[in-house]
Amino acid sequence: MKPIHEKEKQVVYLKERLNIFMEVLDSIDPEETEVEDIDRLIEMIDDIELKCEQFRSRG
């Protein structure tokens, strides 16, 4: 995938990723949540954090 350099596109990308995260989070039933589900949420947050760091370093 081509690096995103424009600030506006970076913000749009991060908003989309956060929206996906929120949708996944909302769909999880706390009574039936498995460890794998929590691990996947943590992975998603880690990926978003990594992208933020990449965007900041390009700034």
PDB file of N, CA and C in Angstrom:
ATOM      1  N   MET A   1       0.833  -1.183   0.000  1.00  0.00           N
ATOM      2  CA  MET A   1       0.000   0.000   0.000  1.00  0.00           C
ATOM      3  C   MET A   1       0.875   1.244   0.000  1.00  0.00           C
ATOM      4  N   LYS A   2       0.495   2.238  -0.745  1.00  0.00           N
ATOM      5  CA  LYS A   2       1.250   3.476  -0.877  1.00  0.00           C
ATOM      6  C   LYS A   2       1.131   4.314   0.405  1.00  0.00           C
ATOM      7  N   PRO A   3       2.241   4.895   0.889  1.00  0.00           N
ATOM      8  CA  PRO A   3       2.175   5.725   2.090  1.00  0.00           C
ATOM      9  C   PRO A   3       1.248   6.927   1.896  1.00  0.00           C
ATOM     10  N   ILE A   4       0.555   7.275   2.968  1.00  0.00           N
ATOM     11  CA  ILE A   4      -0.342   8.431   2.947  1.00  0.00           C
ATOM     12  C   ILE A   4       0.424   9.615   3.535  1.00  0.00           C
ATOM     13  N   HIS A   5       0.634  10.659   2.716  1.00  0.00           N
ATOM     14  CA  HIS A   5       1.413  11.796   3.181  1.00  0.00           C
ATOM     15  C   HIS A   5       0.561  13.020   3.482  1.00  0.00           C
ATOM     16  N   GLU A   6      -0.556  13.162   2.820  1.00  0.00           N
ATOM     17  CA  GLU A   6      -1.382  14.346   3.022  1.00  0.00           C
ATOM     18  C   GLU A   6      -2.126  14.237   4.350  1.00  0.00           C
ATOM     19  N   LYS A   7      -2.047  15.309   5.159  1.00  0.00           N
ATOM     20  CA  LYS A   7      -2.646  15.310   6.495  1.00  0.00           C
ATOM     21  C   LYS A   7      -4.137  14.997   6.450  1.00  0.00           C
ATOM     22  N   GLU A   8      -4.837  15.555   5.487  1.00  0.00           N
ATOM     23  CA  GLU A   8      -6.280  15.331   5.393  1.00  0.00           C
ATOM     24  C   GLU A   8      -6.585  13.854   5.167  1.00  0.00           C
ATOM     25  N   LYS A   9      -5.819  13.211   4.291  1.00  0.00           N
ATOM     26  CA  LYS A   9      -6.022  11.785   4.023  1.00  0.00           C
ATOM     27  C   LYS A   9      -5.640  10.941   5.238  1.00  0.00           C
ATOM     28  N   GLN A  10      -4.641  11.377   5.986  1.00  0.00           N
ATOM     29  CA  GLN A  10      -4.246  10.670   7.199  1.00  0.00           C
ATOM     30  C   GLN A  10      -5.384  10.694   8.215  1.00  0.00           C
ATOM     31  N   VAL A  11      -5.995  11.848   8.385  1.00  0.00           N
ATOM     32  CA  VAL A  11      -7.099  11.980   9.331  1.00  0.00           C
ATOM     33  C   VAL A  11      -8.285  11.117   8.900  1.00  0.00           C
ATOM     34  N   VAL A  12      -8.597  11.137   7.619  1.00  0.00           N
ATOM     35  CA  VAL A  12      -9.696  10.316   7.103  1.00  0.00           C
ATOM     36  C   VAL A  12      -9.401   8.836   7.354  1.00  0.00           C
ATOM     37  N   TYR A  13      -8.179   8.423   7.086  1.00  0.00           N
ATOM     38  CA  TYR A  13      -7.789   7.031   7.302  1.00  0.00           C
ATOM     39  C   TYR A  13      -7.981   6.642   8.774  1.00  0.00           C
ATOM     40  N   LEU A  14      -7.491   7.492   9.681  1.00  0.00           N
ATOM     41  CA  LEU A  14      -7.600   7.187  11.106  1.00  0.00           C
ATOM     42  C   LEU A  14      -9.056   7.157  11.565  1.00  0.00           C
ATOM     43  N   LYS A  15      -9.864   8.062  11.056  1.00  0.00           N
ATOM     44  CA  LYS A  15     -11.291   8.062  11.404  1.00  0.00           C
ATOM     45  C   LYS A  15     -11.958   6.769  10.945  1.00  0.00           C
ATOM     46  N   GLU A  16     -11.621   6.331   9.748  1.00  0.00           N
ATOM     47  CA  GLU A  16     -12.195   5.083   9.231  1.00  0.00           C
ATOM     48  C   GLU A  16     -11.793   3.902  10.102  1.00  0.00           C
ATOM     49  N   ARG A  17     -10.528   3.851  10.453  1.00  0.00           N
ATOM     50  CA  ARG A  17     -10.043   2.757  11.304  1.00  0.00           C
ATOM     51  C   ARG A  17     -10.722   2.777  12.670  1.00  0.00           C
ATOM     52  N   LEU A  18     -10.882   3.967  13.232  1.00  0.00           N
ATOM     53  CA  LEU A  18     -11.546   4.074  14.537  1.00  0.00           C
ATOM     54  C   LEU A  18     -13.015   3.687  14.437  1.00  0.00           C
ATOM     55  N   ASN A  19     -13.653   4.041  13.337  1.00  0.00           N
ATOM     56  CA  ASN A  19     -15.053   3.651  13.139  1.00  0.00           C
ATOM     57  C   ASN A  19     -15.192   2.136  13.054  1.00  0.00           C
ATOM     58  N   ILE A  20     -14.265   1.495  12.339  1.00  0.00           N
ATOM     59  CA  ILE A  20     -14.282   0.036  12.259  1.00  0.00           C
ATOM     60  C   ILE A  20     -14.102  -0.566  13.652  1.00  0.00           C
ATOM     61  N   PHE A  21     -13.165  -0.010  14.409  1.00  0.00           N
ATOM     62  CA  PHE A  21     -12.933  -0.486  15.769  1.00  0.00           C
ATOM     63  C   PHE A  21     -14.202  -0.368  16.608  1.00  0.00           C
ATOM     64  N   MET A  22     -14.859   0.786  16.523  1.00  0.00           N
ATOM     65  CA  MET A  22     -16.071   1.010  17.306  1.00  0.00           C
ATOM     66  C   MET A  22     -17.182   0.043  16.895  1.00  0.00           C
ATOM     67  N   GLU A  23     -17.302  -0.236  15.611  1.00  0.00           N
ATOM     68  CA  GLU A  23     -18.313  -1.189  15.145  1.00  0.00           C
ATOM     69  C   GLU A  23     -18.046  -2.585  15.712  1.00  0.00           C
ATOM     70  N   VAL A  24     -16.793  -2.985  15.687  1.00  0.00           N
ATOM     71  CA  VAL A  24     -16.433  -4.293  16.243  1.00  0.00           C
ATOM     72  C   VAL A  24     -16.717  -4.315  17.737  1.00  0.00           C
ATOM     73  N   LEU A  25     -16.330  -3.276  18.423  1.00  0.00           N
ATOM     74  CA  LEU A  25     -16.547  -3.180  19.862  1.00  0.00           C
ATOM     75  C   LEU A  25     -18.033  -3.242  20.196  1.00  0.00           C
ATOM     76  N   ASP A  26     -18.842  -2.519  19.460  1.00  0.00           N
ATOM     77  CA  ASP A  26     -20.292  -2.509  19.692  1.00  0.00           C
ATOM     78  C   ASP A  26     -20.928  -3.868  19.430  1.00  0.00           C
ATOM     79  N   SER A  27     -20.341  -4.646  18.534  1.00  0.00           N
ATOM     80  CA  SER A  27     -20.938  -5.930  18.164  1.00  0.00           C
ATOM     81  C   SER A  27     -20.600  -7.050  19.148  1.00  0.00           C
ATOM     82  N   ILE A  28     -19.670  -6.793  20.031  1.00  0.00           N
ATOM     83  CA  ILE A  28     -19.244  -7.838  20.964  1.00  0.00           C
ATOM     84  C   ILE A  28     -20.231  -7.945  22.123  1.00  0.00           C
ATOM     85  N   ASP A  29     -20.630  -9.175  22.374  1.00  0.00           N
ATOM     86  CA  ASP A  29     -21.501  -9.463  23.510  1.00  0.00           C
ATOM     87  C   ASP A  29     -20.610  -9.798  24.709  1.00  0.00           C
ATOM     88  N   PRO A  30     -20.645  -8.969  25.743  1.00  0.00           N
ATOM     89  CA  PRO A  30     -19.754  -9.199  26.901  1.00  0.00           C
ATOM     90  C   PRO A  30     -19.922 -10.589  27.527  1.00  0.00           C
ATOM     91  N   GLU A  31     -21.119 -11.128  27.438  1.00  0.00           N
ATOM     92  CA  GLU A  31     -21.370 -12.448  28.031  1.00  0.00           C
ATOM     93  C   GLU A  31     -20.702 -13.573  27.250  1.00  0.00           C
ATOM     94  N   GLU A  32     -20.420 -13.328  25.971  1.00  0.00           N
ATOM     95  CA  GLU A  32     -19.875 -14.383  25.120  1.00  0.00           C
ATOM     96  C   GLU A  32     -18.483 -14.055  24.576  1.00  0.00           C
ATOM     97  N   THR A  33     -17.862 -13.048  25.116  1.00  0.00           N
ATOM     98  CA  THR A  33     -16.560 -12.615  24.625  1.00  0.00           C
ATOM     99  C   THR A  33     -15.480 -13.622  24.983  1.00  0.00           C
ATOM    100  N   GLU A  34     -14.681 -13.953  24.002  1.00  0.00           N
ATOM    101  CA  GLU A  34     -13.558 -14.875  24.191  1.00  0.00           C
ATOM    102  C   GLU A  34     -12.265 -14.063  24.299  1.00  0.00           C
ATOM    103  N   VAL A  35     -11.224 -14.689  24.790  1.00  0.00           N
ATOM    104  CA  VAL A  35      -9.914 -14.043  24.896  1.00  0.00           C
ATOM    105  C   VAL A  35      -9.444 -13.588  23.514  1.00  0.00           C
ATOM    106  N   GLU A  36      -9.746 -14.382  22.495  1.00  0.00           N
ATOM    107  CA  GLU A  36      -9.340 -14.039  21.124  1.00  0.00           C
ATOM    108  C   GLU A  36      -9.989 -12.733  20.660  1.00  0.00           C
ATOM    109  N   ASP A  37     -11.231 -12.508  21.101  1.00  0.00           N
ATOM    110  CA  ASP A  37     -11.921 -11.266  20.739  1.00  0.00           C
ATOM    111  C   ASP A  37     -11.202 -10.056  21.338  1.00  0.00           C
ATOM    112  N   ILE A  38     -10.811 -10.187  22.574  1.00  0.00           N
ATOM    113  CA  ILE A  38     -10.090  -9.100  23.251  1.00  0.00           C
ATOM    114  C   ILE A  38      -8.726  -8.888  22.599  1.00  0.00           C
ATOM    115  N   ASP A  39      -8.060  -9.983  22.270  1.00  0.00           N
ATOM    116  CA  ASP A  39      -6.767  -9.889  21.598  1.00  0.00           C
ATOM    117  C   ASP A  39      -6.897  -9.153  20.263  1.00  0.00           C
ATOM    118  N   ARG A  40      -7.970  -9.441  19.531  1.00  0.00           N
ATOM    119  CA  ARG A  40      -8.193  -8.778  18.239  1.00  0.00           C
ATOM    120  C   ARG A  40      -8.417  -7.283  18.428  1.00  0.00           C
ATOM    121  N   LEU A  41      -9.146  -6.905  19.454  1.00  0.00           N
ATOM    122  CA  LEU A  41      -9.362  -5.480  19.746  1.00  0.00           C
ATOM    123  C   LEU A  41      -8.037  -4.800  20.079  1.00  0.00           C
ATOM    124  N   ILE A  42      -7.225  -5.464  20.857  1.00  0.00           N
ATOM    125  CA  ILE A  42      -5.914  -4.911  21.215  1.00  0.00           C
ATOM    126  C   ILE A  42      -5.048  -4.761  19.966  1.00  0.00           C
ATOM    127  N   GLU A  43      -5.098  -5.749  19.079  1.00  0.00           N
ATOM    128  CA  GLU A  43      -4.367  -5.659  17.805  1.00  0.00           C
ATOM    129  C   GLU A  43      -4.812  -4.450  16.992  1.00  0.00           C
ATOM    130  N   MET A  44      -6.113  -4.231  16.942  1.00  0.00           N
ATOM    131  CA  MET A  44      -6.645  -3.105  16.179  1.00  0.00           C
ATOM    132  C   MET A  44      -6.138  -1.781  16.750  1.00  0.00           C
ATOM    133  N   ILE A  45      -6.147  -1.659  18.076  1.00  0.00           N
ATOM    134  CA  ILE A  45      -5.650  -0.441  18.729  1.00  0.00           C
ATOM    135  C   ILE A  45      -4.155  -0.268  18.457  1.00  0.00           C
ATOM    136  N   ASP A  46      -3.402  -1.357  18.545  1.00  0.00           N
ATOM    137  CA  ASP A  46      -1.963  -1.306  18.264  1.00  0.00           C
ATOM    138  C   ASP A  46      -1.698  -0.843  16.828  1.00  0.00           C
ATOM    139  N   ASP A  47      -2.494  -1.349  15.879  1.00  0.00           N
ATOM    140  CA  ASP A  47      -2.336  -0.949  14.473  1.00  0.00           C
ATOM    141  C   ASP A  47      -2.619   0.547  14.291  1.00  0.00           C
ATOM    142  N   ILE A  48      -3.665   1.021  14.953  1.00  0.00           N
ATOM    143  CA  ILE A  48      -4.010   2.445  14.861  1.00  0.00           C
ATOM    144  C   ILE A  48      -2.894   3.292  15.483  1.00  0.00           C
ATOM    145  N   GLU A  49      -2.374   2.852  16.620  1.00  0.00           N
ATOM    146  CA  GLU A  49      -1.273   3.575  17.267  1.00  0.00           C
ATOM    147  C   GLU A  49      -0.043   3.623  16.369  1.00  0.00           C
ATOM    148  N   LEU A  50       0.281   2.510  15.727  1.00  0.00           N
ATOM    149  CA  LEU A  50       1.424   2.448  14.819  1.00  0.00           C
ATOM    150  C   LEU A  50       1.244   3.429  13.662  1.00  0.00           C
ATOM    151  N   LYS A  51       0.035   3.472  13.093  1.00  0.00           N
ATOM    152  CA  LYS A  51      -0.231   4.401  11.991  1.00  0.00           C
ATOM    153  C   LYS A  51      -0.065   5.845  12.462  1.00  0.00           C
ATOM    154  N   CYS A  52      -0.556   6.148  13.656  1.00  0.00           N
ATOM    155  CA  CYS A  52      -0.404   7.509  14.202  1.00  0.00           C
ATOM    156  C   CYS A  52       1.073   7.885  14.298  1.00  0.00           C
ATOM    157  N   GLU A  53       1.892   6.960  14.776  1.00  0.00           N
ATOM    158  CA  GLU A  53       3.324   7.216  14.893  1.00  0.00           C
ATOM    159  C   GLU A  53       3.960   7.419  13.517  1.00  0.00           C
ATOM    160  N   GLN A  54       3.536   6.602  12.538  1.00  0.00           N
ATOM    161  CA  GLN A  54       4.073   6.747  11.183  1.00  0.00           C
ATOM    162  C   GLN A  54       3.695   8.112  10.606  1.00  0.00           C
ATOM    163  N   PHE A  55       2.451   8.509  10.774  1.00  0.00           N
ATOM    164  CA  PHE A  55       1.986   9.793  10.265  1.00  0.00           C
ATOM    165  C   PHE A  55       2.743  10.948  10.936  1.00  0.00           C
ATOM    166  N   ARG A  56       2.939  10.825  12.236  1.00  0.00           N
ATOM    167  CA  ARG A  56       3.648  11.877  12.989  1.00  0.00           C
ATOM    168  C   ARG A  56       5.092  12.019  12.496  1.00  0.00           C
ATOM    169  N   SER A  57       5.741  10.882  12.214  1.00  0.00           N
ATOM    170  CA  SER A  57       7.148  10.920  11.787  1.00  0.00           C
ATOM    171  C   SER A  57       7.285  11.491  10.362  1.00  0.00           C
ATOM    172  N   ARG A  58       6.220  11.417   9.582  1.00  0.00           N
ATOM    173  CA  ARG A  58       6.253  11.977   8.232  1.00  0.00           C
ATOM    174  C   ARG A  58       5.948  13.460   8.224  1.00  0.00           C
ATOM    175  N   GLY A  59       5.346  13.924   9.329  1.00  0.00           N
ATOM    176  CA  GLY A  59       4.853  15.291   9.423  1.00  0.00           C
ATOM    177  C   GLY A  59       5.849  16.331   9.167  1.00  0.00           C
TER     178      GLY A  59
END
